[in-house]
Amino acid sequence: MAKKLGMVIDLKRCTGCTTCANACKMQNNVPMGMLWNRVLTEGGEEYDTSAGVYPNLQKSFLPMACQHCENAACVKVCPVGATYKDELGRVVINYDRCIGCRFCMAACPYNARVFNWEEPVRDPGFNYGDKDVPIRKVGVMEKCSMCKERTDTGLEPMCVKCCPTRARKFGDLNDPESEVSRLIRERNGQQLLSEKGTKPQVYYLD
């Protein structure tokens, strides 16, 4: 059976440190003002806020990126086939084919895609990260690729490698003996917005 790469995120371990977001940004040469990987706070009305009224406050975190859906809405609506499922189950983008119509951005229920509205700006003023990551130009979509350049060679995505609390696990969902499959089975892994029928390949443990 072919591999189907996926991820498990343990919400009990996530401290909201955003190391994953920064590691992703550096690995993938993501421009200023854009993130492929975000850490949202649940319950508060704004980003990075607590829920409740002082002194009865609580804060929980929800790491969010492309869910690499098995039944991906973005793939279905792309009119030129620039977004597609590859042989390892990842949802990836052919940047040269992308025409910037943003249909995929509208179709994604996870708000996981970002658009290069202007010429990308990087601080410092040069490209950084993995030399094999394609450079995206103005007018195209981009998003988490599950660190394709790393996972193609058998390495973990950078967000998984750098997580200080080991809240993220990565592996083959089609292998019942893999760590990700075991965690999903033993701890009742949940998919976000499962009612949408997109069948995400990212699972959350509560």
C-alpha atoms as a PDB file:
ATOM      1  CA  MET A   1       0.000   0.000   0.000  1.00  0.00           C
ATOM      2  CA  ALA A   2       1.261   3.480  -0.884  1.00  0.00           C
ATOM      3  CA  LYS A   3       2.312   5.818   1.888  1.00  0.00           C
ATOM      4  CA  LYS A   4      -0.114   8.485   3.099  1.00  0.00           C
ATOM      5  CA  LEU A   5       1.839  11.029   5.083  1.00  0.00           C
ATOM      6  CA  GLY A   6       0.087  12.706   7.968  1.00  0.00           C
ATOM      7  CA  MET A   7       0.568  14.388  11.307  1.00  0.00           C
ATOM      8  CA  VAL A   8      -0.727  14.162  14.857  1.00  0.00           C
ATOM      9  CA  ILE A   9      -0.745  17.208  17.164  1.00  0.00           C
ATOM     10  CA  ASP A  10      -1.126  16.705  20.914  1.00  0.00           C
ATOM     11  CA  LEU A  11      -2.998  19.728  22.240  1.00  0.00           C
ATOM     12  CA  LYS A  12      -2.174  18.795  25.828  1.00  0.00           C
ATOM     13  CA  ARG A  13       1.523  19.228  25.039  1.00  0.00           C
ATOM     14  CA  CYS A  14       1.235  22.433  22.958  1.00  0.00           C
ATOM     15  CA  THR A  15       2.260  25.508  24.967  1.00  0.00           C
ATOM     16  CA  GLY A  16       1.609  28.052  22.207  1.00  0.00           C
ATOM     17  CA  CYS A  17       5.315  28.953  21.940  1.00  0.00           C
ATOM     18  CA  THR A  18       5.047  29.345  18.099  1.00  0.00           C
ATOM     19  CA  THR A  19       8.376  27.591  17.535  1.00  0.00           C
ATOM     20  CA  CYS A  20       6.617  25.562  14.844  1.00  0.00           C
ATOM     21  CA  ALA A  21       5.486  28.705  13.027  1.00  0.00           C
ATOM     22  CA  ASN A  22       8.954  30.245  13.088  1.00  0.00           C
ATOM     23  CA  ALA A  23      10.717  27.017  12.122  1.00  0.00           C
ATOM     24  CA  CYS A  24       8.320  26.648   9.183  1.00  0.00           C
ATOM     25  CA  LYS A  25       8.913  30.245   8.117  1.00  0.00           C
ATOM     26  CA  MET A  26      12.687  29.853   8.123  1.00  0.00           C
ATOM     27  CA  GLN A  27      12.723  26.425   6.468  1.00  0.00           C
ATOM     28  CA  ASN A  28      10.415  27.473   3.633  1.00  0.00           C
ATOM     29  CA  ASN A  29      11.605  31.027   2.943  1.00  0.00           C
ATOM     30  CA  VAL A  30       8.187  32.462   3.854  1.00  0.00           C
ATOM     31  CA  PRO A  31       8.093  36.273   3.359  1.00  0.00           C
ATOM     32  CA  MET A  32       7.373  38.867   5.998  1.00  0.00           C
ATOM     33  CA  GLY A  33       3.700  39.300   6.842  1.00  0.00           C
ATOM     34  CA  MET A  34       2.857  35.704   5.895  1.00  0.00           C
ATOM     35  CA  LEU A  35       2.697  32.419   7.794  1.00  0.00           C
ATOM     36  CA  TRP A  36       2.129  28.887   6.569  1.00  0.00           C
ATOM     37  CA  ASN A  37       1.847  27.601  10.128  1.00  0.00           C
ATOM     38  CA  ARG A  38      -0.066  29.521  12.802  1.00  0.00           C
ATOM     39  CA  VAL A  39      -0.904  28.949  16.440  1.00  0.00           C
ATOM     40  CA  LEU A  40      -4.413  30.152  17.252  1.00  0.00           C
ATOM     41  CA  THR A  41      -5.911  30.633  20.693  1.00  0.00           C
ATOM     42  CA  GLU A  42      -9.300  29.115  21.386  1.00  0.00           C
ATOM     43  CA  GLY A  43     -11.970  30.985  23.294  1.00  0.00           C
ATOM     44  CA  GLY A  44     -10.623  34.529  23.106  1.00  0.00           C
ATOM     45  CA  GLU A  45     -12.044  37.108  20.743  1.00  0.00           C
ATOM     46  CA  GLU A  46      -8.665  38.116  19.294  1.00  0.00           C
ATOM     47  CA  TYR A  47      -5.359  36.459  18.449  1.00  0.00           C
ATOM     48  CA  ASP A  48      -3.379  35.288  21.502  1.00  0.00           C
ATOM     49  CA  THR A  49      -6.034  36.158  24.075  1.00  0.00           C
ATOM     50  CA  SER A  50      -7.551  34.282  26.993  1.00  0.00           C
ATOM     51  CA  ALA A  51     -11.150  33.246  27.417  1.00  0.00           C
ATOM     52  CA  GLY A  52     -13.203  34.224  30.438  1.00  0.00           C
ATOM     53  CA  VAL A  53     -13.153  37.116  32.895  1.00  0.00           C
ATOM     54  CA  TYR A  54     -10.305  37.753  35.336  1.00  0.00           C
ATOM     55  CA  PRO A  55      -9.447  35.965  37.573  1.00  0.00           C
ATOM     56  CA  ASN A  56     -11.242  33.040  35.911  1.00  0.00           C
ATOM     57  CA  LEU A  57      -9.218  32.888  32.712  1.00  0.00           C
ATOM     58  CA  GLN A  58      -8.081  30.026  30.554  1.00  0.00           C
ATOM     59  CA  LYS A  59      -6.116  29.735  27.348  1.00  0.00           C
ATOM     60  CA  SER A  60      -5.756  26.828  24.952  1.00  0.00           C
ATOM     61  CA  PHE A  61      -3.846  26.680  21.690  1.00  0.00           C
ATOM     62  CA  LEU A  62      -4.685  25.309  18.258  1.00  0.00           C
ATOM     63  CA  PRO A  63      -1.804  24.936  15.780  1.00  0.00           C
ATOM     64  CA  MET A  64      -3.179  25.422  12.281  1.00  0.00           C
ATOM     65  CA  ALA A  65      -1.766  24.831   8.805  1.00  0.00           C
ATOM     66  CA  CYS A  66      -2.807  22.980   5.669  1.00  0.00           C
ATOM     67  CA  GLN A  67      -4.609  19.782   6.686  1.00  0.00           C
ATOM     68  CA  HIS A  68      -3.496  17.922   3.520  1.00  0.00           C
ATOM     69  CA  CYS A  69      -7.027  16.640   3.076  1.00  0.00           C
ATOM     70  CA  GLU A  70      -7.707  13.346   1.372  1.00  0.00           C
ATOM     71  CA  ASN A  71     -10.794  14.906  -0.216  1.00  0.00           C
ATOM     72  CA  ALA A  72      -9.334  18.392  -0.644  1.00  0.00           C
ATOM     73  CA  ALA A  73     -11.703  21.172  -1.716  1.00  0.00           C
ATOM     74  CA  CYS A  74      -8.770  23.236  -3.009  1.00  0.00           C
ATOM     75  CA  VAL A  75      -7.788  20.477  -5.441  1.00  0.00           C
ATOM     76  CA  LYS A  76     -11.325  20.240  -6.789  1.00  0.00           C
ATOM     77  CA  VAL A  77     -11.726  23.952  -7.530  1.00  0.00           C
ATOM     78  CA  CYS A  78      -8.301  24.701  -9.034  1.00  0.00           C
ATOM     79  CA  PRO A  79      -9.064  25.355 -12.732  1.00  0.00           C
ATOM     80  CA  VAL A  80      -5.532  24.649 -13.973  1.00  0.00           C
ATOM     81  CA  GLY A  81      -4.454  21.714 -11.821  1.00  0.00           C
ATOM     82  CA  ALA A  82      -1.835  23.765  -9.978  1.00  0.00           C
ATOM     83  CA  THR A  83      -2.973  22.299  -6.654  1.00  0.00           C
ATOM     84  CA  TYR A  84      -2.877  18.519  -6.549  1.00  0.00           C
ATOM     85  CA  LYS A  85      -2.415  15.446  -4.335  1.00  0.00           C
ATOM     86  CA  ASP A  86       0.995  13.885  -4.824  1.00  0.00           C
ATOM     87  CA  GLU A  87       2.012  10.232  -4.561  1.00  0.00           C
ATOM     88  CA  LEU A  88       2.641  10.524  -0.795  1.00  0.00           C
ATOM     89  CA  GLY A  89      -0.757  12.048  -0.048  1.00  0.00           C
ATOM     90  CA  ARG A  90       0.424  15.627   0.390  1.00  0.00           C
ATOM     91  CA  VAL A  91      -1.507  18.561  -1.080  1.00  0.00           C
ATOM     92  CA  VAL A  92       1.083  20.584  -2.986  1.00  0.00           C
ATOM     93  CA  ILE A  93       1.199  23.509  -5.414  1.00  0.00           C
ATOM     94  CA  ASN A  94       2.883  23.812  -8.799  1.00  0.00           C
ATOM     95  CA  TYR A  95       3.819  27.499  -8.490  1.00  0.00           C
ATOM     96  CA  ASP A  96       4.625  27.832 -12.192  1.00  0.00           C
ATOM     97  CA  ARG A  97       1.125  26.689 -13.117  1.00  0.00           C
ATOM     98  CA  CYS A  98      -0.747  28.795 -10.505  1.00  0.00           C
ATOM     99  CA  ILE A  99      -2.649  31.696 -12.107  1.00  0.00           C
ATOM    100  CA  GLY A 100      -3.544  33.411  -8.833  1.00  0.00           C
ATOM    101  CA  CYS A 101      -7.320  33.067  -9.172  1.00  0.00           C
ATOM    102  CA  ARG A 102      -7.596  32.337  -5.420  1.00  0.00           C
ATOM    103  CA  PHE A 103     -10.445  29.822  -5.881  1.00  0.00           C
ATOM    104  CA  CYS A 104      -8.519  27.463  -3.600  1.00  0.00           C
ATOM    105  CA  MET A 105      -8.223  30.153  -0.945  1.00  0.00           C
ATOM    106  CA  ALA A 106     -12.002  30.604  -0.944  1.00  0.00           C
ATOM    107  CA  ALA A 107     -12.668  26.856  -0.947  1.00  0.00           C
ATOM    108  CA  CYS A 108     -10.386  25.929   1.958  1.00  0.00           C
ATOM    109  CA  PRO A 109     -12.457  25.679   5.176  1.00  0.00           C
ATOM    110  CA  TYR A 110      -9.283  25.950   7.290  1.00  0.00           C
ATOM    111  CA  ASN A 111      -8.059  29.318   5.985  1.00  0.00           C
ATOM    112  CA  ALA A 112      -4.711  27.623   5.394  1.00  0.00           C
ATOM    113  CA  ARG A 113      -3.600  29.424   2.232  1.00  0.00           C
ATOM    114  CA  VAL A 114      -1.889  32.770   1.732  1.00  0.00           C
ATOM    115  CA  PHE A 115      -1.545  34.862  -1.414  1.00  0.00           C
ATOM    116  CA  ASN A 116       1.403  36.902  -2.624  1.00  0.00           C
ATOM    117  CA  TRP A 117      -0.364  40.218  -3.194  1.00  0.00           C
ATOM    118  CA  GLU A 118       2.902  42.131  -3.535  1.00  0.00           C
ATOM    119  CA  GLU A 119       6.518  41.400  -4.323  1.00  0.00           C
ATOM    120  CA  PRO A 120       7.673  39.243  -1.370  1.00  0.00           C
ATOM    121  CA  VAL A 121       9.736  41.070   1.266  1.00  0.00           C
ATOM    122  CA  ARG A 122      12.231  39.201   3.430  1.00  0.00           C
ATOM    123  CA  ASP A 123      14.150  40.459   6.438  1.00  0.00           C
ATOM    124  CA  PRO A 124      17.098  40.150   6.045  1.00  0.00           C
ATOM    125  CA  GLY A 125      17.000  41.205   2.410  1.00  0.00           C
ATOM    126  CA  PHE A 126      17.818  37.811   0.913  1.00  0.00           C
ATOM    127  CA  ASN A 127      16.344  34.315   0.634  1.00  0.00           C
ATOM    128  CA  TYR A 128      16.787  31.953   3.569  1.00  0.00           C
ATOM    129  CA  GLY A 129      15.951  28.381   4.487  1.00  0.00           C
ATOM    130  CA  ASP A 130      16.273  25.224   2.417  1.00  0.00           C
ATOM    131  CA  LYS A 131      17.986  25.887  -0.917  1.00  0.00           C
ATOM    132  CA  ASP A 132      15.681  23.380  -2.631  1.00  0.00           C
ATOM    133  CA  VAL A 133      12.445  25.153  -1.650  1.00  0.00           C
ATOM    134  CA  PRO A 134      10.989  26.916  -4.733  1.00  0.00           C
ATOM    135  CA  ILE A 135      10.920  30.719  -4.587  1.00  0.00           C
ATOM    136  CA  ARG A 136       7.372  32.007  -4.967  1.00  0.00           C
ATOM    137  CA  LYS A 137       6.671  35.128  -6.989  1.00  0.00           C
ATOM    138  CA  VAL A 138       4.007  37.808  -6.696  1.00  0.00           C
ATOM    139  CA  GLY A 139       0.543  36.651  -7.773  1.00  0.00           C
ATOM    140  CA  VAL A 140       0.662  33.020  -6.630  1.00  0.00           C
ATOM    141  CA  MET A 141      -0.758  31.054  -3.706  1.00  0.00           C
ATOM    142  CA  GLU A 142       1.387  29.325  -1.123  1.00  0.00           C
ATOM    143  CA  LYS A 143       0.857  27.145   1.952  1.00  0.00           C
ATOM    144  CA  CYS A 144       2.319  24.356   4.064  1.00  0.00           C
ATOM    145  CA  SER A 145       3.837  21.681   1.842  1.00  0.00           C
ATOM    146  CA  MET A 146       4.522  19.309   4.750  1.00  0.00           C
ATOM    147  CA  CYS A 147       8.142  20.338   4.119  1.00  0.00           C
ATOM    148  CA  LYS A 148       8.171  18.443   0.821  1.00  0.00           C
ATOM    149  CA  GLU A 149      11.897  18.973   0.312  1.00  0.00           C
ATOM    150  CA  ARG A 150      12.605  17.328   3.690  1.00  0.00           C
ATOM    151  CA  THR A 151       9.955  14.612   3.653  1.00  0.00           C
ATOM    152  CA  ASP A 152      10.952  13.566   0.123  1.00  0.00           C
ATOM    153  CA  THR A 153      14.255  12.438   1.643  1.00  0.00           C
ATOM    154  CA  GLY A 154      12.735  10.725   4.685  1.00  0.00           C
ATOM    155  CA  LEU A 155      13.184  13.608   7.142  1.00  0.00           C
ATOM    156  CA  GLU A 156      10.485  15.062   9.386  1.00  0.00           C
ATOM    157  CA  PRO A 157       8.832  18.417   8.641  1.00  0.00           C
ATOM    158  CA  MET A 158      10.707  21.221  10.387  1.00  0.00           C
ATOM    159  CA  CYS A 159       7.753  22.005  12.685  1.00  0.00           C
ATOM    160  CA  VAL A 160       7.907  18.443  14.002  1.00  0.00           C
ATOM    161  CA  LYS A 161      11.677  18.462  14.396  1.00  0.00           C
ATOM    162  CA  CYS A 162      11.760  21.784  16.283  1.00  0.00           C
ATOM    163  CA  CYS A 163       8.753  21.412  18.622  1.00  0.00           C
ATOM    164  CA  PRO A 164      10.279  21.682  22.131  1.00  0.00           C
ATOM    165  CA  THR A 165       7.452  19.750  23.814  1.00  0.00           C
ATOM    166  CA  ARG A 166       7.251  17.032  21.144  1.00  0.00           C
ATOM    167  CA  ALA A 167       3.591  17.857  20.574  1.00  0.00           C
ATOM    168  CA  ARG A 168       3.841  16.929  16.893  1.00  0.00           C
ATOM    169  CA  LYS A 169       4.315  13.479  15.378  1.00  0.00           C
ATOM    170  CA  PHE A 170       4.693  12.650  11.696  1.00  0.00           C
ATOM    171  CA  GLY A 171       4.397   9.422   9.759  1.00  0.00           C
ATOM    172  CA  ASP A 172       2.510   7.094   7.457  1.00  0.00           C
ATOM    173  CA  LEU A 173      -1.231   6.944   8.142  1.00  0.00           C
ATOM    174  CA  ASN A 174      -1.502   3.805   6.010  1.00  0.00           C
ATOM    175  CA  ASP A 175       0.880   1.921   8.291  1.00  0.00           C
ATOM    176  CA  PRO A 176      -1.129   0.619  11.267  1.00  0.00           C
ATOM    177  CA  GLU A 177       2.104   0.171  13.230  1.00  0.00           C
ATOM    178  CA  SER A 178       3.335   3.768  12.751  1.00  0.00           C
ATOM    179  CA  GLU A 179       3.398   6.093  15.754  1.00  0.00           C
ATOM    180  CA  VAL A 180       0.812   8.396  14.211  1.00  0.00           C
ATOM    181  CA  SER A 181      -1.613   5.534  13.546  1.00  0.00           C
ATOM    182  CA  ARG A 182      -1.138   4.208  17.069  1.00  0.00           C
ATOM    183  CA  LEU A 183      -1.767   7.619  18.661  1.00  0.00           C
ATOM    184  CA  ILE A 184      -4.897   8.219  16.579  1.00  0.00           C
ATOM    185  CA  ARG A 185      -6.199   4.783  17.553  1.00  0.00           C
ATOM    186  CA  GLU A 186      -5.295   4.868  21.244  1.00  0.00           C
ATOM    187  CA  ARG A 187      -6.181   8.492  21.957  1.00  0.00           C
ATOM    188  CA  ASN A 188      -9.128   8.947  19.623  1.00  0.00           C
ATOM    189  CA  GLY A 189      -7.497  11.440  17.262  1.00  0.00           C
ATOM    190  CA  GLN A 190      -9.919  14.037  15.891  1.00  0.00           C
ATOM    191  CA  GLN A 191     -10.035  15.809  12.535  1.00  0.00           C
ATOM    192  CA  LEU A 192     -10.974  19.484  12.298  1.00  0.00           C
ATOM    193  CA  LEU A 193     -14.342  20.208  10.675  1.00  0.00           C
ATOM    194  CA  SER A 194     -14.890  16.534   9.968  1.00  0.00           C
ATOM    195  CA  GLU A 195     -18.466  17.353   8.967  1.00  0.00           C
ATOM    196  CA  LYS A 196     -17.121  19.057   5.827  1.00  0.00           C
ATOM    197  CA  GLY A 197     -16.095  15.690   4.401  1.00  0.00           C
ATOM    198  CA  THR A 198     -12.569  16.835   3.538  1.00  0.00           C
ATOM    199  CA  LYS A 199     -10.909  13.974   5.481  1.00  0.00           C
ATOM    200  CA  PRO A 200      -7.878  15.850   6.861  1.00  0.00           C
ATOM    201  CA  GLN A 201      -4.584  13.986   7.252  1.00  0.00           C
ATOM    202  CA  VAL A 202      -3.757  16.063  10.337  1.00  0.00           C
ATOM    203  CA  TYR A 203      -5.242  14.720  13.579  1.00  0.00           C
ATOM    204  CA  TYR A 204      -5.531  16.421  16.970  1.00  0.00           C
ATOM    205  CA  LEU A 205      -5.285  14.766  20.382  1.00  0.00           C
ATOM    206  CA  ASP A 206      -7.181  16.433  23.231  1.00  0.00           C
END
